[in-house]
C-alpha atoms as a PDB file:
ATOM      1  CA  MET A   1      44.767  11.539 136.423  1.00  0.00           C
ATOM      2  CA  PRO A   2      45.589  15.228 139.115  1.00  0.00           C
ATOM      3  CA  GLN A   3      49.113  16.318 139.639  1.00  0.00           C
ATOM      4  CA  VAL A   4      51.144  15.336 142.231  1.00  0.00           C
ATOM      5  CA  PRO A   5      51.276  18.778 144.207  1.00  0.00           C
ATOM      6  CA  TRP A   6      54.808  20.690 143.308  1.00  0.00           C
ATOM      7  CA  SER A   7      54.851  20.928 147.267  1.00  0.00           C
ATOM      8  CA  ASP A   8      54.953  16.834 148.020  1.00  0.00           C
ATOM      9  CA  ARG A   9      57.395  16.026 145.134  1.00  0.00           C
ATOM     10  CA  LYS A  10      60.809  14.594 146.227  1.00  0.00           C
ATOM     11  CA  PHE A  11      64.151  15.284 143.371  1.00  0.00           C
ATOM     12  CA  GLU A  12      66.900  13.404 143.560  1.00  0.00           C
ATOM     13  CA  PHE A  13      70.301  15.298 142.356  1.00  0.00           C
ATOM     14  CA  ASN A  14      71.952  12.210 141.386  1.00  0.00           C
ATOM     15  CA  PHE A  15      73.354  13.384 137.648  1.00  0.00           C
ATOM     16  CA  PRO A  16      76.811  15.035 136.803  1.00  0.00           C
ATOM     17  CA  ALA A  17      76.618  18.251 136.982  1.00  0.00           C
ATOM     18  CA  GLU A  18      78.253  17.604 133.234  1.00  0.00           C
ATOM     19  CA  LEU A  19      74.488  17.601 132.455  1.00  0.00           C
ATOM     20  CA  TYR A  20      74.279  21.963 133.020  1.00  0.00           C
ATOM     21  CA  PRO A  21      74.396  22.942 129.185  1.00  0.00           C
ATOM     22  CA  GLU A  22      71.292  20.314 128.416  1.00  0.00           C
ATOM     23  CA  MET A  23      69.842  21.463 131.468  1.00  0.00           C
ATOM     24  CA  LEU A  24      69.903  25.683 130.391  1.00  0.00           C
ATOM     25  CA  GLU A  25      68.657  24.721 127.332  1.00  0.00           C
ATOM     26  CA  ARG A  26      65.376  23.354 129.671  1.00  0.00           C
ATOM     27  CA  VAL A  27      65.486  26.485 131.283  1.00  0.00           C
ATOM     28  CA  ARG A  28      66.101  28.835 128.563  1.00  0.00           C
ATOM     29  CA  GLY A  29      63.736  26.997 126.262  1.00  0.00           C
ATOM     30  CA  THR A  30      60.440  27.362 129.035  1.00  0.00           C
ATOM     31  CA  PRO A  31      59.323  31.054 127.297  1.00  0.00           C
ATOM     32  CA  ALA A  32      58.672  29.850 123.852  1.00  0.00           C
ATOM     33  CA  ARG A  33      57.273  26.867 125.109  1.00  0.00           C
ATOM     34  CA  VAL A  34      54.661  29.202 127.465  1.00  0.00           C
ATOM     35  CA  GLU A  35      54.308  31.422 123.951  1.00  0.00           C
ATOM     36  CA  ASP A  36      53.589  28.581 121.717  1.00  0.00           C
ATOM     37  CA  ARG A  37      50.624  27.722 124.568  1.00  0.00           C
ATOM     38  CA  ALA A  38      48.987  31.355 125.596  1.00  0.00           C
ATOM     39  CA  ASN A  39      49.473  32.778 121.610  1.00  0.00           C
ATOM     40  CA  ALA A  40      46.467  30.868 120.002  1.00  0.00           C
ATOM     41  CA  LEU A  41      44.020  30.967 123.098  1.00  0.00           C
ATOM     42  CA  SER A  42      41.374  33.653 123.511  1.00  0.00           C
ATOM     43  CA  GLU A  43      41.371  35.821 126.341  1.00  0.00           C
ATOM     44  CA  SER A  44      38.842  34.390 128.024  1.00  0.00           C
ATOM     45  CA  ILE A  45      40.203  31.072 128.173  1.00  0.00           C
ATOM     46  CA  LEU A  46      43.956  32.480 128.664  1.00  0.00           C
ATOM     47  CA  THR A  47      41.900  34.123 131.660  1.00  0.00           C
ATOM     48  CA  ARG A  48      39.203  31.447 133.131  1.00  0.00           C
ATOM     49  CA  ARG A  49      39.531  29.951 136.804  1.00  0.00           C
ATOM     50  CA  ASP A  50      38.940  26.294 137.568  1.00  0.00           C
ATOM     51  CA  GLY A  51      36.788  27.077 140.729  1.00  0.00           C
ATOM     52  CA  HIS A  52      39.741  29.242 142.978  1.00  0.00           C
ATOM     53  CA  ARG A  53      43.091  27.444 140.986  1.00  0.00           C
ATOM     54  CA  TRP A  54      44.968  29.474 138.789  1.00  0.00           C
ATOM     55  CA  SER A  55      43.866  30.197 135.394  1.00  0.00           C
ATOM     56  CA  ILE A  56      46.589  29.795 132.029  1.00  0.00           C
ATOM     57  CA  GLN A  57      47.783  33.505 132.694  1.00  0.00           C
ATOM     58  CA  GLU A  58      47.951  33.560 135.943  1.00  0.00           C
ATOM     59  CA  ASN A  59      50.327  30.158 136.061  1.00  0.00           C
ATOM     60  CA  ILE A  60      52.158  31.734 133.140  1.00  0.00           C
ATOM     61  CA  GLY A  61      52.293  35.332 135.796  1.00  0.00           C
ATOM     62  CA  HIS A  62      53.585  32.898 138.688  1.00  0.00           C
ATOM     63  CA  LEU A  63      56.820  31.610 136.518  1.00  0.00           C
ATOM     64  CA  LEU A  64      57.372  35.606 135.267  1.00  0.00           C
ATOM     65  CA  ASP A  65      56.937  36.057 139.518  1.00  0.00           C
ATOM     66  CA  LEU A  66      59.722  33.240 140.479  1.00  0.00           C
ATOM     67  CA  GLU A  67      62.283  34.793 137.998  1.00  0.00           C
ATOM     68  CA  GLU A  68      63.270  36.906 141.091  1.00  0.00           C
ATOM     69  CA  LEU A  69      63.808  33.882 143.027  1.00  0.00           C
ATOM     70  CA  PHE A  70      65.574  32.419 140.501  1.00  0.00           C
ATOM     71  CA  SER A  71      67.986  34.913 140.452  1.00  0.00           C
ATOM     72  CA  ALA A  72      68.762  36.068 143.622  1.00  0.00           C
ATOM     73  CA  ARG A  73      69.664  32.202 144.201  1.00  0.00           C
ATOM     74  CA  VAL A  74      71.987  32.688 141.624  1.00  0.00           C
ATOM     75  CA  ASP A  75      73.387  35.785 143.505  1.00  0.00           C
ATOM     76  CA  GLU A  76      73.785  33.492 146.138  1.00  0.00           C
ATOM     77  CA  TYR A  77      75.423  30.814 144.131  1.00  0.00           C
ATOM     78  CA  ASP A  78      78.205  34.026 143.185  1.00  0.00           C
ATOM     79  CA  ALA A  79      78.386  34.826 146.973  1.00  0.00           C
ATOM     80  CA  ASP A  80      79.164  30.960 148.157  1.00  0.00           C
ATOM     81  CA  ALA A  81      76.408  30.996 150.614  1.00  0.00           C
ATOM     82  CA  SER A  82      76.081  27.658 152.554  1.00  0.00           C
ATOM     83  CA  ALA A  83      72.408  27.731 152.184  1.00  0.00           C
ATOM     84  CA  LEU A  84      69.382  29.260 149.608  1.00  0.00           C
ATOM     85  CA  ARG A  85      66.492  31.467 150.452  1.00  0.00           C
ATOM     86  CA  ALA A  86      63.517  29.778 150.394  1.00  0.00           C
ATOM     87  CA  ALA A  87      60.279  30.628 148.051  1.00  0.00           C
ATOM     88  CA  ASP A  88      56.977  32.348 149.370  1.00  0.00           C
ATOM     89  CA  MET A  89      54.591  28.896 149.677  1.00  0.00           C
ATOM     90  CA  THR A  90      52.004  31.066 149.771  1.00  0.00           C
ATOM     91  CA  ASN A  91      52.678  32.598 146.213  1.00  0.00           C
ATOM     92  CA  LEU A  92      51.894  35.668 148.034  1.00  0.00           C
ATOM     93  CA  LYS A  93      53.133  37.816 144.839  1.00  0.00           C
ATOM     94  CA  THR A  94      51.088  35.395 142.595  1.00  0.00           C
ATOM     95  CA  HIS A  95      47.651  35.963 144.481  1.00  0.00           C
ATOM     96  CA  GLU A  96      48.146  40.303 144.536  1.00  0.00           C
ATOM     97  CA  ALA A  97      49.294  40.150 141.108  1.00  0.00           C
ATOM     98  CA  ARG A  98      46.331  40.340 139.260  1.00  0.00           C
ATOM     99  CA  HIS A  99      47.717  38.521 135.690  1.00  0.00           C
ATOM    100  CA  ASN A 100      44.201  38.335 134.841  1.00  0.00           C
ATOM    101  CA  ASP A 101      44.066  42.087 134.465  1.00  0.00           C
ATOM    102  CA  GLN A 102      47.342  42.544 132.185  1.00  0.00           C
ATOM    103  CA  PRO A 103      47.542  41.671 128.489  1.00  0.00           C
ATOM    104  CA  ILE A 104      49.096  38.572 127.651  1.00  0.00           C
ATOM    105  CA  GLN A 105      51.797  40.012 125.445  1.00  0.00           C
ATOM    106  CA  THR A 106      52.869  41.764 128.229  1.00  0.00           C
ATOM    107  CA  ILE A 107      53.682  39.162 131.004  1.00  0.00           C
ATOM    108  CA  LEU A 108      54.920  36.687 128.343  1.00  0.00           C
ATOM    109  CA  PHE A 109      57.428  39.453 127.119  1.00  0.00           C
ATOM    110  CA  ASP A 110      58.271  40.390 130.817  1.00  0.00           C
ATOM    111  CA  PHE A 111      58.620  36.274 131.362  1.00  0.00           C
ATOM    112  CA  ARG A 112      60.904  36.269 127.666  1.00  0.00           C
ATOM    113  CA  ASN A 113      63.463  39.129 128.949  1.00  0.00           C
ATOM    114  CA  ALA A 114      63.519  37.959 132.621  1.00  0.00           C
ATOM    115  CA  ARG A 115      64.535  34.182 132.078  1.00  0.00           C
ATOM    116  CA  LEU A 116      67.049  34.954 128.539  1.00  0.00           C
ATOM    117  CA  GLY A 117      69.056  37.751 130.731  1.00  0.00           C
ATOM    118  CA  LEU A 118      69.070  34.829 133.596  1.00  0.00           C
ATOM    119  CA  VAL A 119      70.551  32.474 130.610  1.00  0.00           C
ATOM    120  CA  GLN A 120      73.204  34.820 129.686  1.00  0.00           C
ATOM    121  CA  ARG A 121      74.070  35.143 133.013  1.00  0.00           C
ATOM    122  CA  LEU A 122      74.481  31.502 133.377  1.00  0.00           C
ATOM    123  CA  GLU A 123      76.115  30.476 130.556  1.00  0.00           C
ATOM    124  CA  ARG A 124      79.477  33.492 130.657  1.00  0.00           C
ATOM    125  CA  LYS A 125      80.111  30.533 133.920  1.00  0.00           C
ATOM    126  CA  ASP A 126      82.623  28.526 133.806  1.00  0.00           C
ATOM    127  CA  SER A 127      82.113  24.384 134.192  1.00  0.00           C
ATOM    128  CA  GLU A 128      82.911  24.331 137.334  1.00  0.00           C
ATOM    129  CA  TYR A 129      80.407  26.722 138.901  1.00  0.00           C
ATOM    130  CA  PHE A 130      77.858  24.540 137.707  1.00  0.00           C
ATOM    131  CA  PHE A 131      79.325  22.398 141.259  1.00  0.00           C
ATOM    132  CA  ARG A 132      78.722  24.880 143.126  1.00  0.00           C
ATOM    133  CA  VAL A 133      76.359  23.564 146.317  1.00  0.00           C
ATOM    134  CA  ALA A 134      74.175  25.569 148.729  1.00  0.00           C
ATOM    135  CA  LEU A 135      71.558  23.904 150.806  1.00  0.00           C
ATOM    136  CA  HIS A 136      67.816  24.196 149.454  1.00  0.00           C
ATOM    137  CA  PRO A 137      65.504  24.955 152.566  1.00  0.00           C
ATOM    138  CA  ARG A 138      62.268  22.970 151.664  1.00  0.00           C
ATOM    139  CA  LEU A 139      64.036  20.267 150.318  1.00  0.00           C
ATOM    140  CA  ASN A 140      67.166  20.383 152.936  1.00  0.00           C
ATOM    141  CA  LYS A 141      69.538  18.803 151.275  1.00  0.00           C
ATOM    142  CA  PRO A 142      72.510  19.838 149.356  1.00  0.00           C
ATOM    143  CA  MET A 143      71.813  21.675 145.734  1.00  0.00           C
ATOM    144  CA  ARG A 144      74.635  22.494 143.361  1.00  0.00           C
ATOM    145  CA  VAL A 145      73.911  24.822 140.218  1.00  0.00           C
ATOM    146  CA  VAL A 146      72.748  22.235 138.067  1.00  0.00           C
ATOM    147  CA  ASP A 147      70.948  20.568 140.755  1.00  0.00           C
ATOM    148  CA  MET A 148      69.008  24.183 140.691  1.00  0.00           C
ATOM    149  CA  LEU A 149      68.674  24.435 136.928  1.00  0.00           C
ATOM    150  CA  TYR A 150      66.762  21.040 137.003  1.00  0.00           C
ATOM    151  CA  PHE A 151      64.373  21.959 139.842  1.00  0.00           C
ATOM    152  CA  GLN A 152      63.685  25.308 138.138  1.00  0.00           C
ATOM    153  CA  SER A 153      62.448  23.070 134.616  1.00  0.00           C
ATOM    154  CA  GLU A 154      60.669  20.463 136.424  1.00  0.00           C
ATOM    155  CA  HIS A 155      58.703  24.122 138.230  1.00  0.00           C
ATOM    156  CA  ASP A 156      58.006  24.871 134.868  1.00  0.00           C
ATOM    157  CA  ASP A 157      57.362  22.231 133.308  1.00  0.00           C
ATOM    158  CA  TYR A 158      54.606  21.450 136.603  1.00  0.00           C
ATOM    159  CA  HIS A 159      53.113  24.042 135.379  1.00  0.00           C
ATOM    160  CA  LEU A 160      53.189  23.681 132.043  1.00  0.00           C
ATOM    161  CA  ALA A 161      51.363  20.507 132.564  1.00  0.00           C
ATOM    162  CA  ARG A 162      48.662  22.494 134.242  1.00  0.00           C
ATOM    163  CA  ILE A 163      48.638  24.717 131.389  1.00  0.00           C
ATOM    164  CA  SER A 164      47.597  22.383 129.303  1.00  0.00           C
ATOM    165  CA  GLU A 165      44.871  20.537 131.395  1.00  0.00           C
ATOM    166  CA  LEU A 166      43.048  23.773 131.235  1.00  0.00           C
ATOM    167  CA  ILE A 167      43.560  24.027 127.460  1.00  0.00           C
ATOM    168  CA  ARG A 168      41.996  20.445 127.637  1.00  0.00           C
ATOM    169  CA  MET A 169      39.802  21.466 130.291  1.00  0.00           C
ATOM    170  CA  PHE A 170      38.539  24.823 127.996  1.00  0.00           C
ATOM    171  CA  GLN A 171      39.497  24.817 124.624  1.00  0.00           C
ATOM    172  CA  PRO A 172      36.465  23.997 122.122  1.00  0.00           C
ATOM    173  CA  ARG A 173      36.665  20.510 120.595  1.00  0.00           C
ATOM    174  CA  SER A 174      36.447  20.841 116.548  1.00  0.00           C
END
């Protein structure tokens, strides 16, 4: 069954902000989950495309590419901005990055460092911080910091599910 396209997904942020520790753990765990999937794969599997769709390595690189947006949005919450910056829904950065030409270990290392740096930054915030609200531009709805963590986790899982799908497609069965 094909995935629902990311841009078609709808979100309801109706859970308590006090769930932020669990959301931080989801965000923190993504690099390990990505590494677990990628480290057992050959370069030919990692870089193989499904038609014009991204390879496993490009999906991982995309997660790294979006750390800049994630960090900028935390900056906006820090500044009590009324709205968050929009994502580039064309994914130009990922399309131009040539992730398949880079060593996977470099992408994994950079993703882990960027993500864990952001998690450490958020762990220094008090619990009231996670109630801060700004308008999400694509969803056109208020998003608390805790909601942004949930949204980020869902995006991570979307790409992990795609990575798993590609592994099933390309990994030789034994």
